[in-house]
C-alpha atoms as a PDB file:
ATOM      1  CA  ILE A   1     -15.150  47.183  44.744  1.00  0.00           C
ATOM      2  CA  GLY A   2     -11.863  49.613  44.913  1.00  0.00           C
ATOM      3  CA  LEU A   3      -9.176  46.733  44.494  1.00  0.00           C
ATOM      4  CA  VAL A   4     -11.355  45.349  41.394  1.00  0.00           C
ATOM      5  CA  SER A   5     -10.895  49.041  39.549  1.00  0.00           C
ATOM      6  CA  ILE A   6      -6.933  49.656  39.841  1.00  0.00           C
ATOM      7  CA  GLY A   7      -6.227  45.726  38.910  1.00  0.00           C
ATOM      8  CA  PHE A   8      -7.096  43.264  41.342  1.00  0.00           C
ATOM      9  CA  PRO A   9      -7.593  39.757  40.552  1.00  0.00           C
ATOM     10  CA  ARG A  10     -11.312  39.032  39.522  1.00  0.00           C
ATOM     11  CA  ILE A  11     -11.252  35.415  40.176  1.00  0.00           C
ATOM     12  CA  ILE A  12      -9.908  36.234  43.569  1.00  0.00           C
ATOM     13  CA  LEU A  13     -12.752  37.919  44.494  1.00  0.00           C
ATOM     14  CA  ALA A  14     -15.383  35.172  43.534  1.00  0.00           C
ATOM     15  CA  ALA A  15     -12.810  32.691  45.484  1.00  0.00           C
ATOM     16  CA  VAL A  16     -12.913  35.203  48.488  1.00  0.00           C
ATOM     17  CA  GLY A  17     -16.709  35.180  48.007  1.00  0.00           C
ATOM     18  CA  GLY A  18     -17.607  31.640  47.761  1.00  0.00           C
ATOM     19  CA  ALA A  19     -15.341  30.850  50.483  1.00  0.00           C
ATOM     20  CA  MET A  20     -17.414  33.380  52.470  1.00  0.00           C
ATOM     21  CA  PHE A  21     -21.004  32.940  50.956  1.00  0.00           C
ATOM     22  CA  GLY A  22     -20.743  29.825  48.943  1.00  0.00           C
ATOM     23  CA  VAL A  23     -20.948  29.451  45.582  1.00  0.00           C
ATOM     24  CA  VAL A  24     -24.225  30.744  45.182  1.00  0.00           C
ATOM     25  CA  LEU A  25     -24.300  33.902  46.709  1.00  0.00           C
ATOM     26  CA  GLY A  26     -20.688  33.787  46.566  1.00  0.00           C
ATOM     27  CA  THR A  27     -20.903  34.452  42.672  1.00  0.00           C
ATOM     28  CA  LEU A  28     -24.044  36.858  43.197  1.00  0.00           C
ATOM     29  CA  TRP A  29     -21.719  38.707  45.755  1.00  0.00           C
ATOM     30  CA  SER A  30     -18.554  38.462  43.025  1.00  0.00           C
ATOM     31  CA  GLN A  31     -20.541  39.836  40.164  1.00  0.00           C
ATOM     32  CA  VAL A  32     -21.839  42.721  41.268  1.00  0.00           C
ATOM     33  CA  ALA A  33     -18.862  43.750  43.194  1.00  0.00           C
ATOM     34  CA  MET A  34     -17.186  42.972  39.580  1.00  0.00           C
ATOM     35  CA  THR A  35     -19.785  44.951  37.561  1.00  0.00           C
ATOM     36  CA  LEU A  36     -19.331  48.040  40.165  1.00  0.00           C
ATOM     37  CA  ALA A  37     -15.392  47.528  39.916  1.00  0.00           C
ATOM     38  CA  ILE A  38     -15.483  48.662  35.737  1.00  0.00           C
ATOM     39  CA  LEU A  39     -17.348  51.970  36.336  1.00  0.00           C
ATOM     40  CA  ALA A  40     -14.327  53.650  37.605  1.00  0.00           C
ATOM     41  CA  PRO A  41     -11.556  53.236  34.789  1.00  0.00           C
ATOM     42  CA  PHE A  42     -15.044  52.928  32.387  1.00  0.00           C
ATOM     43  CA  LEU A  43     -15.522  56.589  32.853  1.00  0.00           C
ATOM     44  CA  TYR A  44     -12.455  57.664  34.175  1.00  0.00           C
ATOM     45  CA  SER A  45     -11.103  57.115  30.605  1.00  0.00           C
ATOM     46  CA  ARG A  46     -14.392  58.127  28.563  1.00  0.00           C
ATOM     47  CA  HIS A  47     -14.305  61.735  30.046  1.00  0.00           C
ATOM     48  CA  LEU A  48     -10.316  62.166  30.535  1.00  0.00           C
ATOM     49  CA  GLY A  49      -8.912  59.761  28.192  1.00  0.00           C
ATOM     50  CA  ARG A  50     -10.215  59.502  24.528  1.00  0.00           C
ATOM     51  CA  GLU A  51      -8.715  62.924  22.836  1.00  0.00           C
ATOM     52  CA  LEU A  52      -5.432  60.938  23.394  1.00  0.00           C
ATOM     53  CA  VAL A  53      -6.603  57.226  22.738  1.00  0.00           C
ATOM     54  CA  ALA A  54      -7.330  59.094  19.169  1.00  0.00           C
ATOM     55  CA  ARG A  55      -4.726  61.015  18.834  1.00  0.00           C
ATOM     56  CA  ARG A  56      -1.983  57.664  19.399  1.00  0.00           C
ATOM     57  CA  MET A  57      -3.906  55.246  18.303  1.00  0.00           C
ATOM     58  CA  GLY A  58      -5.854  57.285  15.422  1.00  0.00           C
ATOM     59  CA  ARG A  59      -7.037  54.561  12.365  1.00  0.00           C
ATOM     60  CA  ARG A  60      -7.227  52.156  15.276  1.00  0.00           C
ATOM     61  CA  LEU A  61      -9.652  53.302  16.982  1.00  0.00           C
ATOM     62  CA  GLN A  62     -12.234  53.959  14.447  1.00  0.00           C
ATOM     63  CA  GLN A  63     -11.600  50.386  13.601  1.00  0.00           C
ATOM     64  CA  PHE A  64     -13.121  49.703  17.368  1.00  0.00           C
ATOM     65  CA  ASP A  65     -15.217  52.080  17.712  1.00  0.00           C
ATOM     66  CA  ASP A  66     -17.447  50.864  14.281  1.00  0.00           C
ATOM     67  CA  LEU A  67     -16.431  47.639  15.419  1.00  0.00           C
ATOM     68  CA  LEU A  68     -18.260  48.009  18.721  1.00  0.00           C
ATOM     69  CA  GLY A  69     -21.171  50.264  16.650  1.00  0.00           C
ATOM     70  CA  GLN A  70     -22.573  47.139  14.784  1.00  0.00           C
ATOM     71  CA  HIS A  71     -21.546  44.416  17.078  1.00  0.00           C
ATOM     72  CA  GLY A  72     -20.741  46.419  20.614  1.00  0.00           C
ATOM     73  CA  PHE A  73     -22.659  43.739  22.958  1.00  0.00           C
ATOM     74  CA  MET A  74     -20.862  40.743  21.400  1.00  0.00           C
ATOM     75  CA  VAL A  75     -17.010  42.484  21.233  1.00  0.00           C
ATOM     76  CA  ALA A  76     -18.402  42.459  25.037  1.00  0.00           C
ATOM     77  CA  LEU A  77     -18.813  39.758  25.728  1.00  0.00           C
ATOM     78  CA  LEU A  78     -16.506  37.533  23.870  1.00  0.00           C
ATOM     79  CA  ILE A  79     -13.698  39.471  26.006  1.00  0.00           C
ATOM     80  CA  ARG A  80     -15.911  39.438  28.671  1.00  0.00           C
ATOM     81  CA  LEU A  81     -15.799  35.157  28.167  1.00  0.00           C
ATOM     82  CA  CYS A  82     -11.939  34.915  27.588  1.00  0.00           C
ATOM     83  CA  PRO A  83     -10.513  33.242  30.197  1.00  0.00           C
ATOM     84  CA  VAL A  84      -7.308  35.297  30.151  1.00  0.00           C
ATOM     85  CA  GLY A  85      -6.487  38.334  29.816  1.00  0.00           C
ATOM     86  CA  ASN A  86      -6.282  42.408  31.806  1.00  0.00           C
ATOM     87  CA  ASN A  87      -9.678  43.416  33.576  1.00  0.00           C
ATOM     88  CA  PHE A  88      -8.114  45.848  34.407  1.00  0.00           C
ATOM     89  CA  LEU A  89      -7.124  47.420  30.732  1.00  0.00           C
ATOM     90  CA  THR A  90     -10.234  46.275  29.469  1.00  0.00           C
ATOM     91  CA  ASN A  91     -12.145  49.248  31.181  1.00  0.00           C
ATOM     92  CA  TYR A  92      -9.738  51.293  30.745  1.00  0.00           C
ATOM     93  CA  LEU A  93     -10.108  50.744  26.050  1.00  0.00           C
ATOM     94  CA  ALA A  94     -13.681  50.129  26.305  1.00  0.00           C
ATOM     95  CA  GLY A  95     -13.455  54.021  27.862  1.00  0.00           C
ATOM     96  CA  VAL A  96     -11.950  55.186  24.697  1.00  0.00           C
ATOM     97  CA  THR A  97     -14.264  53.733  22.413  1.00  0.00           C
ATOM     98  CA  ALA A  98     -18.001  54.437  21.821  1.00  0.00           C
ATOM     99  CA  ILE A  99     -19.569  51.335  23.432  1.00  0.00           C
ATOM    100  CA  PRO A 100     -22.792  52.373  25.317  1.00  0.00           C
ATOM    101  CA  LEU A 101     -21.446  52.164  28.708  1.00  0.00           C
ATOM    102  CA  GLY A 102     -24.943  49.928  29.574  1.00  0.00           C
ATOM    103  CA  THR A 103     -24.298  47.783  27.003  1.00  0.00           C
ATOM    104  CA  PHE A 104     -20.600  47.136  27.980  1.00  0.00           C
ATOM    105  CA  LEU A 105     -21.985  46.968  31.887  1.00  0.00           C
ATOM    106  CA  THR A 106     -24.662  44.552  30.431  1.00  0.00           C
ATOM    107  CA  ALA A 107     -21.742  42.078  28.739  1.00  0.00           C
ATOM    108  CA  SER A 108     -19.282  41.986  31.463  1.00  0.00           C
ATOM    109  CA  PHE A 109     -21.965  41.454  34.465  1.00  0.00           C
ATOM    110  CA  LEU A 110     -23.030  38.244  31.882  1.00  0.00           C
ATOM    111  CA  GLY A 111     -19.420  37.514  30.132  1.00  0.00           C
ATOM    112  CA  TYR A 112     -18.156  37.292  33.715  1.00  0.00           C
ATOM    113  CA  LEU A 113     -20.368  34.681  35.692  1.00  0.00           C
ATOM    114  CA  PRO A 114     -19.007  31.159  34.028  1.00  0.00           C
ATOM    115  CA  GLN A 115     -15.832  32.615  35.648  1.00  0.00           C
ATOM    116  CA  SER A 116     -16.704  33.759  38.670  1.00  0.00           C
ATOM    117  CA  PHE A 117     -19.480  30.576  39.291  1.00  0.00           C
ATOM    118  CA  ILE A 118     -15.747  28.321  38.913  1.00  0.00           C
ATOM    119  CA  PHE A 119     -14.099  30.555  40.788  1.00  0.00           C
ATOM    120  CA  ALA A 120     -16.558  30.321  43.750  1.00  0.00           C
ATOM    121  CA  LEU A 121     -17.429  27.263  43.525  1.00  0.00           C
ATOM    122  CA  LEU A 122     -13.965  27.143  43.850  1.00  0.00           C
ATOM    123  CA  GLY A 123     -13.452  28.971  46.798  1.00  0.00           C
ATOM    124  CA  SER A 124     -16.483  27.135  48.567  1.00  0.00           C
ATOM    125  CA  GLY A 125     -13.953  23.929  47.843  1.00  0.00           C
ATOM    126  CA  PHE A 126     -11.777  25.035  51.051  1.00  0.00           C
ATOM    127  CA  ALA A 127     -14.902  24.355  52.933  1.00  0.00           C
ATOM    128  CA  ASP A 128     -16.570  20.885  52.845  1.00  0.00           C
ATOM    129  CA  HIS A 129     -16.119  18.505  50.043  1.00  0.00           C
ATOM    130  CA  PRO A 130     -12.965  20.141  48.775  1.00  0.00           C
ATOM    131  CA  HIS A 131     -11.935  17.368  46.505  1.00  0.00           C
ATOM    132  CA  LEU A 132     -14.556  17.613  43.829  1.00  0.00           C
ATOM    133  CA  ARG A 133     -15.069  21.271  44.593  1.00  0.00           C
ATOM    134  CA  VAL A 134     -11.446  21.852  43.272  1.00  0.00           C
ATOM    135  CA  TRP A 135     -11.366  19.232  41.024  1.00  0.00           C
ATOM    136  CA  GLY A 136     -14.076  19.603  39.440  1.00  0.00           C
ATOM    137  CA  GLY A 137     -14.071  23.673  39.354  1.00  0.00           C
ATOM    138  CA  ILE A 138     -10.732  23.233  37.372  1.00  0.00           C
ATOM    139  CA  GLY A 139     -12.180  20.910  34.605  1.00  0.00           C
ATOM    140  CA  LEU A 140     -15.299  22.932  34.654  1.00  0.00           C
ATOM    141  CA  MET A 141     -12.355  26.227  33.379  1.00  0.00           C
ATOM    142  CA  VAL A 142     -10.851  23.989  30.968  1.00  0.00           C
ATOM    143  CA  THR A 143     -14.319  22.991  29.993  1.00  0.00           C
ATOM    144  CA  PHE A 144     -14.372  26.861  29.623  1.00  0.00           C
ATOM    145  CA  SER A 145     -11.485  27.477  28.311  1.00  0.00           C
ATOM    146  CA  LEU A 146     -11.501  25.077  25.466  1.00  0.00           C
ATOM    147  CA  PHE A 147     -14.616  26.052  24.605  1.00  0.00           C
ATOM    148  CA  PHE A 148     -14.530  29.670  24.580  1.00  0.00           C
ATOM    149  CA  LEU A 149     -11.282  28.962  21.866  1.00  0.00           C
ATOM    150  CA  TRP A 150     -13.250  27.006  20.329  1.00  0.00           C
ATOM    151  CA  TYR A 151     -15.715  29.889  19.421  1.00  0.00           C
ATOM    152  CA  PHE A 152     -13.752  32.411  18.947  1.00  0.00           C
ATOM    153  CA  ARG A 153     -11.724  30.759  15.819  1.00  0.00           C
ATOM    154  CA  ARG A 154     -15.047  30.293  14.535  1.00  0.00           C
ATOM    155  CA  SER A 155     -16.410  34.072  15.199  1.00  0.00           C
ATOM    156  CA  LYS A 156     -17.525  36.347  13.136  1.00  0.00           C
ATOM    157  CA  GLU A 157     -16.638  38.726  15.821  1.00  0.00           C
ATOM    158  CA  GLY A 158     -13.559  36.544  16.666  1.00  0.00           C
ATOM    159  CA  ALA A 159     -12.471  37.698  13.560  1.00  0.00           C
ATOM    160  CA  LYS A 160     -13.846  41.242  13.672  1.00  0.00           C
ATOM    161  CA  ILE A 161     -11.636  41.582  17.135  1.00  0.00           C
ATOM    162  CA  LEU A 162      -8.412  40.400  16.164  1.00  0.00           C
ATOM    163  CA  ALA A 163      -8.196  42.091  12.366  1.00  0.00           C
ATOM    164  CA  ALA A 164      -9.076  44.908  14.226  1.00  0.00           C
ATOM    165  CA  MET A 165      -5.913  44.302  17.119  1.00  0.00           C
ATOM    166  CA  ARG A 166      -3.586  44.053  13.849  1.00  0.00           C
ATOM    167  CA  GLY A 167      -5.017  47.195  12.505  1.00  0.00           C
ATOM    168  CA  GLU A 168      -5.975  45.529   8.679  1.00  0.00           C
END
């Protein structure tokens, strides 16, 4: 939990969980650890960083707050489902926005689930049937990534996230 909260890749945690506990328990334990790991940076930035970020980002922070106020769960879920991203920065940035902690935790838990399962599957593959599990995990990751890109480009929330990031 401590390592993931300071930037250690969460997918490695899921792979190790899969190797140690198997696919199902490895996914479950890594999910619990990853969800707990986002608490420290989220709460730290919520209580100590909002004013600093508000001064630097100004109107852009207000746009993110408005977006998260209207679609907080879906935005957080889309960010967590993204196969490429920075978990560390997301935790800190979410803390300086108005998204409620419970919404962020729930969306993060659900958003982590597909990748946690895939990497727990990959991790468990080192123990038995390595070729089937590794290639199956890689296939699932590619399929999931393509689906995410397709959905993100077509969703209203995806367009709003991109507009807020561009400062439009």
